[in-house]
Amino acid sequence: MTLINVLEVIGTIAFAISGALIGTEKELDLFGVIFLAITTSVGGGIFRDVIIGNTPPVAFVKPIYCLISMGAGVAVFIFYKRIITLKNVILITDAVGLGVFTAIGSSTAFIHDFNKPFIVISMGLITGVGGGILRDVFVKDIPFVFRKEIYAIASILGALILYFSYNHVPHVAALYICFAVTFIIRVLAIILNLNLPVFRMSTEENKENLPIK
């Protein structure tokens, strides 16, 4: 097992835990918690595979990642109060997941002979953040990646680096470079509390936009 495979497992667990935590906080039953765990960890990869015609998706051909996600979901359901205290650890491992899935998603486009920049970057982004978007939509929340955090931007920049380096360095090296760039940007955003600007309406504008009763 290579380092990228180890990181992929760590990322899968981290994404699954984030989905299971949301499900537990929303008071879903055990099936709901497990479903959100699986959706968050493999949902982006499924989207990617369907878009590029790699069917059936890898998540179904190699169900090990779904099984890992199920285990993480059950663990969160049982040990929620203990796991929630590890918030900082979860944030860092989630950054690992974002980095490794962005790298895998971008490289998958190349592997299937889609080498145009937009599709390479899009596949990296979808793989990295797609599962989280699905998770939030299922529980009727505004997706996390749309709420000011430097998250999707880290994925885009990492995928961009992979695109430019893929044919100039060994492919494995391109994967690690993409992972490192995405991971570092995300961690710096967490440490420095960096956010994208958010448009905020004034009190008067809010009042004007209230529905007429």
N, C-alpha and C. Protein backbone atom coordinates (compact mmCIF):
# COMPACT_ATOMS: atom_id res chain seq x y z
N MET A 1 0.85 -1.20 0.00
CA MET A 1 0.00 0.00 0.00
C MET A 1 0.89 1.25 0.00
N THR A 2 0.67 2.13 -0.98
CA THR A 2 1.47 3.35 -1.08
C THR A 2 0.95 4.41 -0.12
N LEU A 3 1.73 5.47 0.02
CA LEU A 3 1.33 6.57 0.91
C LEU A 3 0.02 7.18 0.47
N ILE A 4 -0.18 7.31 -0.84
CA ILE A 4 -1.42 7.92 -1.34
C ILE A 4 -2.62 7.05 -0.97
N ASN A 5 -2.44 5.72 -0.95
CA ASN A 5 -3.53 4.83 -0.53
C ASN A 5 -3.85 4.99 0.95
N VAL A 6 -2.80 5.14 1.75
CA VAL A 6 -2.99 5.36 3.19
C VAL A 6 -3.74 6.67 3.42
N LEU A 7 -3.32 7.71 2.71
CA LEU A 7 -3.98 9.01 2.84
C LEU A 7 -5.43 8.93 2.37
N GLU A 8 -5.67 8.12 1.35
CA GLU A 8 -7.03 7.95 0.83
C GLU A 8 -7.93 7.33 1.90
N VAL A 9 -7.41 6.36 2.62
CA VAL A 9 -8.18 5.73 3.71
C VAL A 9 -8.44 6.74 4.81
N ILE A 10 -7.40 7.51 5.18
CA ILE A 10 -7.56 8.53 6.22
C ILE A 10 -8.61 9.55 5.80
N GLY A 11 -8.53 9.99 4.54
CA GLY A 11 -9.50 10.95 4.03
C GLY A 11 -10.91 10.39 4.00
N THR A 12 -11.04 9.13 3.62
CA THR A 12 -12.36 8.49 3.60
C THR A 12 -12.96 8.47 4.99
N ILE A 13 -12.16 8.11 5.97
CA ILE A 13 -12.64 8.07 7.35
C ILE A 13 -13.04 9.46 7.82
N ALA A 14 -12.20 10.47 7.51
CA ALA A 14 -12.49 11.83 7.93
C ALA A 14 -13.78 12.35 7.31
N PHE A 15 -13.96 12.13 5.99
CA PHE A 15 -15.18 12.57 5.33
C PHE A 15 -16.40 11.84 5.88
N ALA A 16 -16.24 10.55 6.12
CA ALA A 16 -17.35 9.76 6.66
C ALA A 16 -17.74 10.26 8.05
N ILE A 17 -16.75 10.58 8.86
CA ILE A 17 -17.03 11.09 10.21
C ILE A 17 -17.77 12.42 10.13
N SER A 18 -17.35 13.30 9.22
CA SER A 18 -18.02 14.59 9.10
C SER A 18 -19.49 14.41 8.71
N GLY A 19 -19.74 13.46 7.80
CA GLY A 19 -21.13 13.18 7.41
C GLY A 19 -21.93 12.59 8.55
N ALA A 20 -21.32 11.66 9.29
CA ALA A 20 -22.01 11.02 10.41
C ALA A 20 -22.27 12.00 11.53
N LEU A 21 -21.35 12.94 11.76
CA LEU A 21 -21.56 13.95 12.81
C LEU A 21 -22.76 14.83 12.49
N ILE A 22 -22.86 15.23 11.22
CA ILE A 22 -24.02 16.04 10.80
C ILE A 22 -25.30 15.24 10.99
N GLY A 23 -25.28 13.98 10.60
CA GLY A 23 -26.46 13.14 10.74
C GLY A 23 -26.87 12.97 12.19
N THR A 24 -25.89 12.80 13.07
CA THR A 24 -26.18 12.65 14.50
C THR A 24 -26.74 13.94 15.07
N GLU A 25 -26.15 15.08 14.69
CA GLU A 25 -26.62 16.37 15.18
C GLU A 25 -28.04 16.67 14.70
N LYS A 26 -28.39 16.17 13.52
CA LYS A 26 -29.74 16.37 12.98
C LYS A 26 -30.72 15.33 13.51
N GLU A 27 -30.23 14.47 14.41
CA GLU A 27 -31.05 13.44 15.06
C GLU A 27 -31.64 12.44 14.06
N LEU A 28 -30.82 12.05 13.08
CA LEU A 28 -31.24 11.00 12.15
C LEU A 28 -31.06 9.64 12.83
N ASP A 29 -31.76 8.64 12.31
CA ASP A 29 -31.59 7.30 12.88
C ASP A 29 -30.28 6.69 12.37
N LEU A 30 -29.97 5.48 12.81
CA LEU A 30 -28.69 4.86 12.48
C LEU A 30 -28.49 4.76 10.97
N PHE A 31 -29.55 4.36 10.26
CA PHE A 31 -29.42 4.26 8.80
C PHE A 31 -29.10 5.62 8.20
N GLY A 32 -29.77 6.66 8.66
CA GLY A 32 -29.52 8.00 8.15
C GLY A 32 -28.10 8.46 8.39
N VAL A 33 -27.57 8.17 9.57
CA VAL A 33 -26.20 8.55 9.91
C VAL A 33 -25.21 7.81 9.00
N ILE A 34 -25.41 6.52 8.82
CA ILE A 34 -24.53 5.73 7.96
C ILE A 34 -24.63 6.20 6.50
N PHE A 35 -25.85 6.48 6.07
CA PHE A 35 -26.05 6.94 4.69
C PHE A 35 -25.31 8.25 4.44
N LEU A 36 -25.38 9.18 5.39
CA LEU A 36 -24.66 10.44 5.23
C LEU A 36 -23.14 10.22 5.26
N ALA A 37 -22.69 9.29 6.07
CA ALA A 37 -21.26 8.98 6.13
C ALA A 37 -20.77 8.48 4.77
N ILE A 38 -21.52 7.56 4.18
CA ILE A 38 -21.13 7.01 2.87
C ILE A 38 -21.23 8.08 1.78
N THR A 39 -22.31 8.84 1.81
CA THR A 39 -22.51 9.89 0.79
C THR A 39 -21.37 10.89 0.81
N THR A 40 -20.98 11.32 2.00
CA THR A 40 -19.93 12.33 2.11
C THR A 40 -18.59 11.81 1.62
N SER A 41 -18.30 10.55 1.89
CA SER A 41 -16.97 10.02 1.57
C SER A 41 -16.83 9.57 0.12
N VAL A 42 -17.89 9.05 -0.49
CA VAL A 42 -17.75 8.53 -1.86
C VAL A 42 -18.64 9.23 -2.88
N GLY A 43 -19.49 10.14 -2.41
CA GLY A 43 -20.42 10.80 -3.32
C GLY A 43 -19.73 11.57 -4.44
N GLY A 44 -18.66 12.30 -4.09
CA GLY A 44 -17.94 13.06 -5.11
C GLY A 44 -17.31 12.16 -6.15
N GLY A 45 -16.76 11.04 -5.71
CA GLY A 45 -16.14 10.10 -6.63
C GLY A 45 -17.15 9.47 -7.58
N ILE A 46 -18.36 9.21 -7.06
CA ILE A 46 -19.41 8.65 -7.90
C ILE A 46 -19.82 9.64 -8.99
N PHE A 47 -20.00 10.90 -8.59
CA PHE A 47 -20.31 11.96 -9.55
C PHE A 47 -19.25 12.02 -10.65
N ARG A 48 -17.98 12.01 -10.22
CA ARG A 48 -16.86 12.10 -11.16
C ARG A 48 -16.91 10.95 -12.17
N ASP A 49 -17.09 9.74 -11.67
CA ASP A 49 -17.07 8.58 -12.55
C ASP A 49 -18.22 8.58 -13.54
N VAL A 50 -19.39 9.02 -13.09
CA VAL A 50 -20.54 9.09 -13.99
C VAL A 50 -20.28 10.11 -15.10
N ILE A 51 -19.71 11.25 -14.73
CA ILE A 51 -19.47 12.32 -15.70
C ILE A 51 -18.47 11.89 -16.77
N ILE A 52 -17.41 11.19 -16.37
CA ILE A 52 -16.39 10.80 -17.36
C ILE A 52 -16.66 9.44 -17.98
N GLY A 53 -17.79 8.81 -17.61
CA GLY A 53 -18.16 7.55 -18.23
C GLY A 53 -17.47 6.33 -17.67
N ASN A 54 -16.93 6.46 -16.46
CA ASN A 54 -16.27 5.32 -15.82
C ASN A 54 -17.29 4.56 -14.97
N THR A 55 -18.07 3.72 -15.65
CA THR A 55 -19.16 3.03 -14.97
C THR A 55 -18.97 1.51 -15.01
N PRO A 56 -19.45 0.80 -13.97
CA PRO A 56 -19.99 1.37 -12.74
C PRO A 56 -18.92 2.11 -11.95
N PRO A 57 -19.30 3.11 -11.14
CA PRO A 57 -18.32 3.88 -10.39
C PRO A 57 -17.43 3.01 -9.50
N VAL A 58 -16.23 3.50 -9.26
CA VAL A 58 -15.25 2.77 -8.46
C VAL A 58 -15.81 2.40 -7.08
N ALA A 59 -16.62 3.27 -6.51
CA ALA A 59 -17.17 3.01 -5.17
C ALA A 59 -17.99 1.73 -5.13
N PHE A 60 -18.58 1.33 -6.28
CA PHE A 60 -19.37 0.10 -6.34
C PHE A 60 -18.52 -1.10 -6.73
N VAL A 61 -17.49 -0.85 -7.53
CA VAL A 61 -16.60 -1.93 -7.95
C VAL A 61 -15.70 -2.36 -6.80
N LYS A 62 -15.24 -1.36 -6.02
CA LYS A 62 -14.40 -1.61 -4.84
C LYS A 62 -15.12 -1.09 -3.60
N PRO A 63 -16.02 -1.88 -3.04
CA PRO A 63 -16.86 -1.39 -1.94
C PRO A 63 -16.13 -1.20 -0.62
N ILE A 64 -14.82 -1.42 -0.59
CA ILE A 64 -14.07 -1.30 0.66
C ILE A 64 -14.25 0.09 1.27
N TYR A 65 -14.32 1.12 0.41
CA TYR A 65 -14.44 2.48 0.92
C TYR A 65 -15.84 2.73 1.50
N CYS A 66 -16.84 2.10 0.93
CA CYS A 66 -18.18 2.18 1.52
C CYS A 66 -18.22 1.46 2.86
N LEU A 67 -17.53 0.33 2.94
CA LEU A 67 -17.49 -0.42 4.20
C LEU A 67 -16.75 0.37 5.29
N ILE A 68 -15.66 1.02 4.90
CA ILE A 68 -14.93 1.87 5.85
C ILE A 68 -15.83 3.00 6.34
N SER A 69 -16.58 3.59 5.42
CA SER A 69 -17.48 4.68 5.78
C SER A 69 -18.60 4.20 6.71
N MET A 70 -19.11 3.01 6.44
CA MET A 70 -20.14 2.44 7.31
C MET A 70 -19.60 2.26 8.74
N GLY A 71 -18.38 1.74 8.83
CA GLY A 71 -17.76 1.56 10.14
C GLY A 71 -17.59 2.88 10.87
N ALA A 72 -17.15 3.91 10.14
CA ALA A 72 -16.99 5.23 10.75
C ALA A 72 -18.33 5.79 11.21
N GLY A 73 -19.37 5.57 10.40
CA GLY A 73 -20.70 6.05 10.77
C GLY A 73 -21.22 5.40 12.04
N VAL A 74 -21.04 4.10 12.15
CA VAL A 74 -21.46 3.38 13.36
C VAL A 74 -20.68 3.87 14.57
N ALA A 75 -19.37 4.08 14.39
CA ALA A 75 -18.52 4.56 15.49
C ALA A 75 -18.99 5.92 15.99
N VAL A 76 -19.31 6.81 15.07
CA VAL A 76 -19.79 8.14 15.47
C VAL A 76 -21.12 8.02 16.20
N PHE A 77 -21.99 7.17 15.69
CA PHE A 77 -23.31 6.99 16.32
C PHE A 77 -23.17 6.52 17.76
N ILE A 78 -22.22 5.64 18.01
CA ILE A 78 -22.04 5.06 19.35
C ILE A 78 -21.21 5.97 20.26
N PHE A 79 -20.14 6.56 19.69
CA PHE A 79 -19.20 7.33 20.52
C PHE A 79 -19.24 8.82 20.20
N TYR A 80 -20.39 9.34 19.84
CA TYR A 80 -20.52 10.73 19.40
C TYR A 80 -19.89 11.71 20.40
N LYS A 81 -20.20 11.57 21.67
CA LYS A 81 -19.74 12.55 22.66
C LYS A 81 -18.22 12.57 22.79
N ARG A 82 -17.58 11.44 22.54
CA ARG A 82 -16.12 11.40 22.60
C ARG A 82 -15.50 11.95 21.32
N ILE A 83 -16.09 11.59 20.20
CA ILE A 83 -15.54 11.99 18.91
C ILE A 83 -15.66 13.49 18.70
N ILE A 84 -16.75 14.09 19.19
CA ILE A 84 -16.96 15.53 18.98
C ILE A 84 -15.89 16.36 19.67
N THR A 85 -15.23 15.79 20.68
CA THR A 85 -14.16 16.53 21.37
C THR A 85 -12.88 16.58 20.55
N LEU A 86 -12.81 15.79 19.48
CA LEU A 86 -11.61 15.75 18.62
C LEU A 86 -11.78 16.65 17.40
N LYS A 87 -12.46 17.77 17.58
CA LYS A 87 -12.81 18.65 16.46
C LYS A 87 -11.59 19.07 15.65
N ASN A 88 -10.51 19.47 16.32
CA ASN A 88 -9.32 19.94 15.60
C ASN A 88 -8.67 18.82 14.80
N VAL A 89 -8.66 17.62 15.37
CA VAL A 89 -8.10 16.47 14.66
C VAL A 89 -8.93 16.18 13.41
N ILE A 90 -10.24 16.27 13.55
CA ILE A 90 -11.14 16.00 12.43
C ILE A 90 -10.92 17.02 11.32
N LEU A 91 -10.70 18.29 11.69
CA LEU A 91 -10.47 19.33 10.69
C LEU A 91 -9.20 19.04 9.88
N ILE A 92 -8.15 18.60 10.57
CA ILE A 92 -6.89 18.31 9.89
C ILE A 92 -7.03 17.09 8.99
N THR A 93 -7.66 16.03 9.49
CA THR A 93 -7.84 14.83 8.66
C THR A 93 -8.79 15.11 7.50
N ASP A 94 -9.74 16.01 7.71
CA ASP A 94 -10.63 16.41 6.62
C ASP A 94 -9.83 17.12 5.53
N ALA A 95 -8.84 17.92 5.93
CA ALA A 95 -7.96 18.58 4.96
C ALA A 95 -7.15 17.55 4.19
N VAL A 96 -6.77 16.48 4.88
CA VAL A 96 -6.08 15.37 4.20
C VAL A 96 -7.00 14.78 3.14
N GLY A 97 -8.25 14.55 3.52
CA GLY A 97 -9.22 14.00 2.57
C GLY A 97 -9.42 14.90 1.37
N LEU A 98 -9.55 16.19 1.62
CA LEU A 98 -9.73 17.14 0.52
C LEU A 98 -8.55 17.08 -0.44
N GLY A 99 -7.35 17.04 0.12
CA GLY A 99 -6.15 17.01 -0.72
C GLY A 99 -6.04 15.74 -1.54
N VAL A 100 -6.24 14.60 -0.91
CA VAL A 100 -6.04 13.34 -1.61
C VAL A 100 -7.15 13.09 -2.63
N PHE A 101 -8.39 13.46 -2.32
CA PHE A 101 -9.48 13.25 -3.27
C PHE A 101 -9.38 14.22 -4.45
N THR A 102 -8.90 15.42 -4.19
CA THR A 102 -8.66 16.35 -5.30
C THR A 102 -7.61 15.79 -6.25
N ALA A 103 -6.55 15.25 -5.69
CA ALA A 103 -5.47 14.68 -6.50
C ALA A 103 -5.97 13.48 -7.30
N ILE A 104 -6.70 12.59 -6.64
CA ILE A 104 -7.21 11.39 -7.31
C ILE A 104 -8.21 11.76 -8.40
N GLY A 105 -9.09 12.72 -8.10
CA GLY A 105 -10.10 13.13 -9.08
C GLY A 105 -9.48 13.75 -10.31
N SER A 106 -8.50 14.62 -10.11
CA SER A 106 -7.84 15.28 -11.24
C SER A 106 -7.08 14.26 -12.10
N SER A 107 -6.36 13.37 -11.45
CA SER A 107 -5.57 12.39 -12.19
C SER A 107 -6.46 11.39 -12.93
N THR A 108 -7.64 11.11 -12.37
CA THR A 108 -8.58 10.20 -13.03
C THR A 108 -8.99 10.75 -14.39
N ALA A 109 -9.14 12.07 -14.49
CA ALA A 109 -9.47 12.68 -15.78
C ALA A 109 -8.38 12.39 -16.79
N PHE A 110 -7.13 12.55 -16.38
CA PHE A 110 -6.01 12.26 -17.28
C PHE A 110 -5.99 10.78 -17.68
N ILE A 111 -6.22 9.92 -16.71
CA ILE A 111 -6.17 8.47 -16.96
C ILE A 111 -7.20 8.07 -18.02
N HIS A 112 -8.33 8.77 -18.05
CA HIS A 112 -9.38 8.45 -19.03
C HIS A 112 -9.31 9.37 -20.25
N ASP A 113 -8.13 9.94 -20.47
CA ASP A 113 -7.84 10.74 -21.68
C ASP A 113 -8.64 12.03 -21.78
N PHE A 114 -9.02 12.58 -20.64
CA PHE A 114 -9.62 13.92 -20.61
C PHE A 114 -8.55 14.86 -20.07
N ASN A 115 -7.86 15.54 -20.97
CA ASN A 115 -6.70 16.32 -20.55
C ASN A 115 -6.86 17.82 -20.73
N LYS A 116 -8.08 18.28 -20.95
CA LYS A 116 -8.32 19.73 -21.03
C LYS A 116 -8.37 20.30 -19.61
N PRO A 117 -7.85 21.50 -19.40
CA PRO A 117 -7.75 22.05 -18.05
C PRO A 117 -9.06 22.13 -17.29
N PHE A 118 -10.14 22.53 -17.97
CA PHE A 118 -11.40 22.72 -17.24
C PHE A 118 -11.93 21.41 -16.68
N ILE A 119 -11.87 20.35 -17.47
CA ILE A 119 -12.41 19.08 -16.98
C ILE A 119 -11.50 18.46 -15.92
N VAL A 120 -10.18 18.64 -16.06
CA VAL A 120 -9.25 18.12 -15.05
C VAL A 120 -9.52 18.80 -13.70
N ILE A 121 -9.61 20.12 -13.72
CA ILE A 121 -9.86 20.86 -12.49
C ILE A 121 -11.25 20.55 -11.94
N SER A 122 -12.23 20.44 -12.83
CA SER A 122 -13.60 20.15 -12.39
C SER A 122 -13.70 18.78 -11.73
N MET A 123 -13.00 17.79 -12.29
CA MET A 123 -13.05 16.45 -11.71
C MET A 123 -12.37 16.43 -10.34
N GLY A 124 -11.29 17.19 -10.19
CA GLY A 124 -10.66 17.30 -8.88
C GLY A 124 -11.58 17.96 -7.88
N LEU A 125 -12.22 19.04 -8.29
CA LEU A 125 -13.13 19.77 -7.41
C LEU A 125 -14.34 18.92 -7.03
N ILE A 126 -14.95 18.28 -8.00
CA ILE A 126 -16.14 17.46 -7.73
C ILE A 126 -15.81 16.32 -6.79
N THR A 127 -14.66 15.68 -7.01
CA THR A 127 -14.27 14.57 -6.14
C THR A 127 -13.99 15.07 -4.72
N GLY A 128 -13.40 16.25 -4.62
CA GLY A 128 -13.05 16.78 -3.32
C GLY A 128 -14.22 17.30 -2.51
N VAL A 129 -15.17 17.97 -3.18
CA VAL A 129 -16.24 18.64 -2.41
C VAL A 129 -17.64 18.11 -2.72
N GLY A 130 -17.78 17.26 -3.73
CA GLY A 130 -19.10 16.80 -4.14
C GLY A 130 -19.87 16.08 -3.05
N GLY A 131 -19.18 15.19 -2.32
CA GLY A 131 -19.85 14.45 -1.25
C GLY A 131 -20.35 15.35 -0.15
N GLY A 132 -19.57 16.38 0.19
CA GLY A 132 -19.98 17.32 1.23
C GLY A 132 -21.19 18.13 0.81
N ILE A 133 -21.25 18.49 -0.47
CA ILE A 133 -22.42 19.23 -0.96
C ILE A 133 -23.67 18.36 -0.87
N LEU A 134 -23.54 17.10 -1.29
CA LEU A 134 -24.68 16.18 -1.19
C LEU A 134 -25.14 16.04 0.26
N ARG A 135 -24.18 15.87 1.17
CA ARG A 135 -24.49 15.73 2.60
C ARG A 135 -25.33 16.90 3.09
N ASP A 136 -24.90 18.12 2.76
CA ASP A 136 -25.59 19.30 3.26
C ASP A 136 -26.96 19.47 2.62
N VAL A 137 -27.05 19.13 1.33
CA VAL A 137 -28.35 19.23 0.65
C VAL A 137 -29.34 18.25 1.27
N PHE A 138 -28.89 17.04 1.59
CA PHE A 138 -29.77 16.03 2.17
C PHE A 138 -30.35 16.46 3.52
N VAL A 139 -29.58 17.26 4.27
CA VAL A 139 -30.08 17.70 5.59
C VAL A 139 -30.61 19.13 5.54
N LYS A 140 -30.82 19.65 4.32
CA LYS A 140 -31.42 20.97 4.09
C LYS A 140 -30.59 22.11 4.66
N ASP A 141 -29.27 22.00 4.54
CA ASP A 141 -28.36 23.08 4.92
C ASP A 141 -27.77 23.70 3.66
N ILE A 142 -27.38 24.98 3.76
CA ILE A 142 -26.59 25.57 2.67
C ILE A 142 -25.24 24.86 2.66
N PRO A 143 -24.82 24.32 1.53
CA PRO A 143 -23.55 23.58 1.50
C PRO A 143 -22.40 24.36 2.12
N PHE A 144 -21.59 23.67 2.90
CA PHE A 144 -20.45 24.25 3.61
C PHE A 144 -19.54 25.02 2.67
N VAL A 145 -19.32 24.50 1.46
CA VAL A 145 -18.37 25.13 0.54
C VAL A 145 -18.88 26.45 0.00
N PHE A 146 -20.17 26.77 0.21
CA PHE A 146 -20.72 28.04 -0.26
C PHE A 146 -20.70 29.11 0.84
N ARG A 147 -20.21 28.77 2.00
CA ARG A 147 -20.29 29.70 3.13
C ARG A 147 -18.90 30.18 3.55
N LYS A 148 -18.30 30.99 2.71
CA LYS A 148 -17.09 31.78 2.97
C LYS A 148 -15.79 31.01 3.23
N GLU A 149 -15.84 29.75 3.67
CA GLU A 149 -14.61 29.02 3.98
C GLU A 149 -13.71 28.84 2.75
N ILE A 150 -12.38 28.91 2.98
CA ILE A 150 -11.42 28.58 1.92
C ILE A 150 -11.34 27.06 1.85
N TYR A 151 -12.19 26.46 1.07
CA TYR A 151 -12.29 25.01 0.98
C TYR A 151 -12.25 24.59 -0.49
N ALA A 152 -13.28 25.00 -1.23
CA ALA A 152 -13.30 24.67 -2.65
C ALA A 152 -12.13 25.33 -3.38
N ILE A 153 -11.76 26.54 -2.95
CA ILE A 153 -10.65 27.25 -3.59
C ILE A 153 -9.36 26.45 -3.45
N ALA A 154 -9.15 25.84 -2.28
CA ALA A 154 -7.96 25.01 -2.07
C ALA A 154 -7.95 23.85 -3.05
N SER A 155 -9.11 23.25 -3.27
CA SER A 155 -9.23 22.12 -4.20
C SER A 155 -8.94 22.57 -5.64
N ILE A 156 -9.47 23.72 -6.02
CA ILE A 156 -9.26 24.23 -7.38
C ILE A 156 -7.77 24.51 -7.63
N LEU A 157 -7.12 25.15 -6.66
CA LEU A 157 -5.70 25.47 -6.83
C LEU A 157 -4.84 24.20 -6.88
N GLY A 158 -5.19 23.22 -6.05
CA GLY A 158 -4.46 21.96 -6.07
C GLY A 158 -4.61 21.25 -7.40
N ALA A 159 -5.84 21.22 -7.93
CA ALA A 159 -6.09 20.58 -9.22
C ALA A 159 -5.37 21.32 -10.34
N LEU A 160 -5.30 22.63 -10.24
CA LEU A 160 -4.60 23.44 -11.24
C LEU A 160 -3.11 23.09 -11.26
N ILE A 161 -2.54 22.92 -10.08
CA ILE A 161 -1.13 22.53 -9.99
C ILE A 161 -0.91 21.16 -10.61
N LEU A 162 -1.84 20.23 -10.35
CA LEU A 162 -1.69 18.89 -10.94
C LEU A 162 -1.75 18.97 -12.46
N TYR A 163 -2.66 19.79 -12.98
CA TYR A 163 -2.78 19.90 -14.44
C TYR A 163 -1.47 20.33 -15.08
N PHE A 164 -0.81 21.33 -14.49
CA PHE A 164 0.41 21.86 -15.08
C PHE A 164 1.63 20.98 -14.82
N SER A 165 1.57 20.15 -13.78
CA SER A 165 2.73 19.32 -13.46
C SER A 165 2.63 17.88 -13.96
N TYR A 166 1.44 17.44 -14.35
CA TYR A 166 1.20 16.02 -14.63
C TYR A 166 2.11 15.47 -15.73
N ASN A 167 2.33 16.25 -16.77
CA ASN A 167 3.14 15.76 -17.89
C ASN A 167 4.60 16.20 -17.82
N HIS A 168 4.99 16.79 -16.70
CA HIS A 168 6.36 17.28 -16.58
C HIS A 168 7.14 16.59 -15.46
N VAL A 169 6.44 15.90 -14.60
CA VAL A 169 7.08 15.13 -13.52
C VAL A 169 6.43 13.76 -13.50
N PRO A 170 7.01 12.77 -12.82
CA PRO A 170 6.34 11.47 -12.69
C PRO A 170 4.92 11.65 -12.16
N HIS A 171 4.00 10.87 -12.67
CA HIS A 171 2.60 11.05 -12.32
C HIS A 171 2.35 10.95 -10.81
N VAL A 172 3.05 10.05 -10.16
CA VAL A 172 2.90 9.92 -8.71
C VAL A 172 3.34 11.20 -8.01
N ALA A 173 4.41 11.79 -8.51
CA ALA A 173 4.89 13.04 -7.93
C ALA A 173 3.85 14.15 -8.10
N ALA A 174 3.18 14.17 -9.26
CA ALA A 174 2.13 15.17 -9.50
C ALA A 174 0.99 15.00 -8.49
N LEU A 175 0.66 13.76 -8.18
CA LEU A 175 -0.38 13.49 -7.18
C LEU A 175 0.02 14.06 -5.83
N TYR A 176 1.25 13.82 -5.42
CA TYR A 176 1.70 14.29 -4.11
C TYR A 176 1.80 15.81 -4.06
N ILE A 177 2.21 16.42 -5.16
CA ILE A 177 2.29 17.88 -5.21
C ILE A 177 0.90 18.48 -5.07
N CYS A 178 -0.06 17.92 -5.82
CA CYS A 178 -1.45 18.39 -5.74
C CYS A 178 -1.98 18.23 -4.32
N PHE A 179 -1.74 17.07 -3.73
CA PHE A 179 -2.18 16.83 -2.36
C PHE A 179 -1.58 17.85 -1.41
N ALA A 180 -0.28 18.08 -1.52
CA ALA A 180 0.42 18.98 -0.60
C ALA A 180 -0.11 20.41 -0.72
N VAL A 181 -0.30 20.89 -1.95
CA VAL A 181 -0.78 22.26 -2.17
C VAL A 181 -2.18 22.42 -1.59
N THR A 182 -3.08 21.49 -1.90
CA THR A 182 -4.45 21.56 -1.40
C THR A 182 -4.48 21.50 0.13
N PHE A 183 -3.74 20.57 0.69
CA PHE A 183 -3.70 20.39 2.14
C PHE A 183 -3.15 21.63 2.85
N ILE A 184 -2.05 22.16 2.35
CA ILE A 184 -1.42 23.32 2.99
C ILE A 184 -2.33 24.54 2.94
N ILE A 185 -2.95 24.77 1.79
CA ILE A 185 -3.85 25.93 1.67
C ILE A 185 -5.01 25.79 2.64
N ARG A 186 -5.59 24.61 2.72
CA ARG A 186 -6.72 24.39 3.62
C ARG A 186 -6.32 24.56 5.08
N VAL A 187 -5.18 24.01 5.47
CA VAL A 187 -4.73 24.12 6.86
C VAL A 187 -4.40 25.57 7.22
N LEU A 188 -3.75 26.28 6.31
CA LEU A 188 -3.45 27.69 6.56
C LEU A 188 -4.73 28.50 6.72
N ALA A 189 -5.74 28.17 5.91
CA ALA A 189 -7.03 28.87 6.03
C ALA A 189 -7.65 28.63 7.40
N ILE A 190 -7.51 27.41 7.92
CA ILE A 190 -8.04 27.08 9.25
C ILE A 190 -7.27 27.83 10.33
N ILE A 191 -5.94 27.78 10.26
CA ILE A 191 -5.10 28.39 11.29
C ILE A 191 -5.23 29.90 11.31
N LEU A 192 -5.25 30.51 10.11
CA LEU A 192 -5.29 31.97 10.01
C LEU A 192 -6.70 32.52 9.92
N ASN A 193 -7.69 31.60 9.95
CA ASN A 193 -9.10 31.99 9.85
C ASN A 193 -9.36 32.83 8.59
N LEU A 194 -8.85 32.33 7.47
CA LEU A 194 -9.02 33.02 6.19
C LEU A 194 -10.36 32.63 5.57
N ASN A 195 -11.08 33.63 5.08
CA ASN A 195 -12.38 33.39 4.47
C ASN A 195 -12.54 34.22 3.21
N LEU A 196 -13.39 33.78 2.34
CA LEU A 196 -13.76 34.59 1.19
C LEU A 196 -14.74 35.66 1.64
N PRO A 197 -14.78 36.79 0.92
CA PRO A 197 -15.72 37.86 1.31
C PRO A 197 -17.16 37.41 1.15
N VAL A 198 -18.00 37.91 2.02
CA VAL A 198 -19.43 37.59 2.00
C VAL A 198 -20.23 38.89 1.91
N PHE A 199 -21.18 38.95 1.00
CA PHE A 199 -22.03 40.13 0.89
C PHE A 199 -23.06 40.09 2.01
N ARG A 200 -23.10 41.17 2.78
CA ARG A 200 -24.05 41.25 3.88
C ARG A 200 -25.01 42.41 3.66
N MET A 201 -26.28 42.12 3.72
CA MET A 201 -27.30 43.14 3.52
C MET A 201 -27.47 43.96 4.79
N SER A 202 -27.75 45.25 4.63
CA SER A 202 -27.99 46.11 5.78
C SER A 202 -29.36 45.80 6.37
N THR A 203 -29.61 46.31 7.57
CA THR A 203 -30.90 46.07 8.23
C THR A 203 -32.05 46.62 7.40
N GLU A 204 -31.82 47.80 6.78
CA GLU A 204 -32.89 48.41 5.98
C GLU A 204 -33.22 47.54 4.76
N GLU A 205 -32.14 46.99 4.13
CA GLU A 205 -32.37 46.13 2.96
C GLU A 205 -33.09 44.85 3.35
N ASN A 206 -32.75 44.31 4.52
CA ASN A 206 -33.43 43.11 5.00
C ASN A 206 -34.90 43.37 5.20
N LYS A 207 -35.22 44.54 5.75
CA LYS A 207 -36.61 44.88 6.00
C LYS A 207 -37.37 45.03 4.70
N GLU A 208 -36.71 45.67 3.71
CA GLU A 208 -37.36 45.89 2.41
C GLU A 208 -37.65 44.57 1.70
N ASN A 209 -36.81 43.57 1.95
CA ASN A 209 -36.97 42.29 1.27
C ASN A 209 -37.85 41.30 2.00
N LEU A 210 -38.40 41.71 3.16
CA LEU A 210 -39.28 40.82 3.88
C LEU A 210 -40.56 40.60 3.09
N PRO A 211 -41.11 39.39 3.07
CA PRO A 211 -42.35 39.14 2.31
C PRO A 211 -43.52 39.92 2.88
N ILE A 212 -44.35 40.42 2.01
CA ILE A 212 -45.54 41.18 2.44
C ILE A 212 -46.60 40.20 2.95
N LYS A 213 -47.12 40.46 4.16
CA LYS A 213 -48.13 39.57 4.73
C LYS A 213 -49.54 40.06 4.40
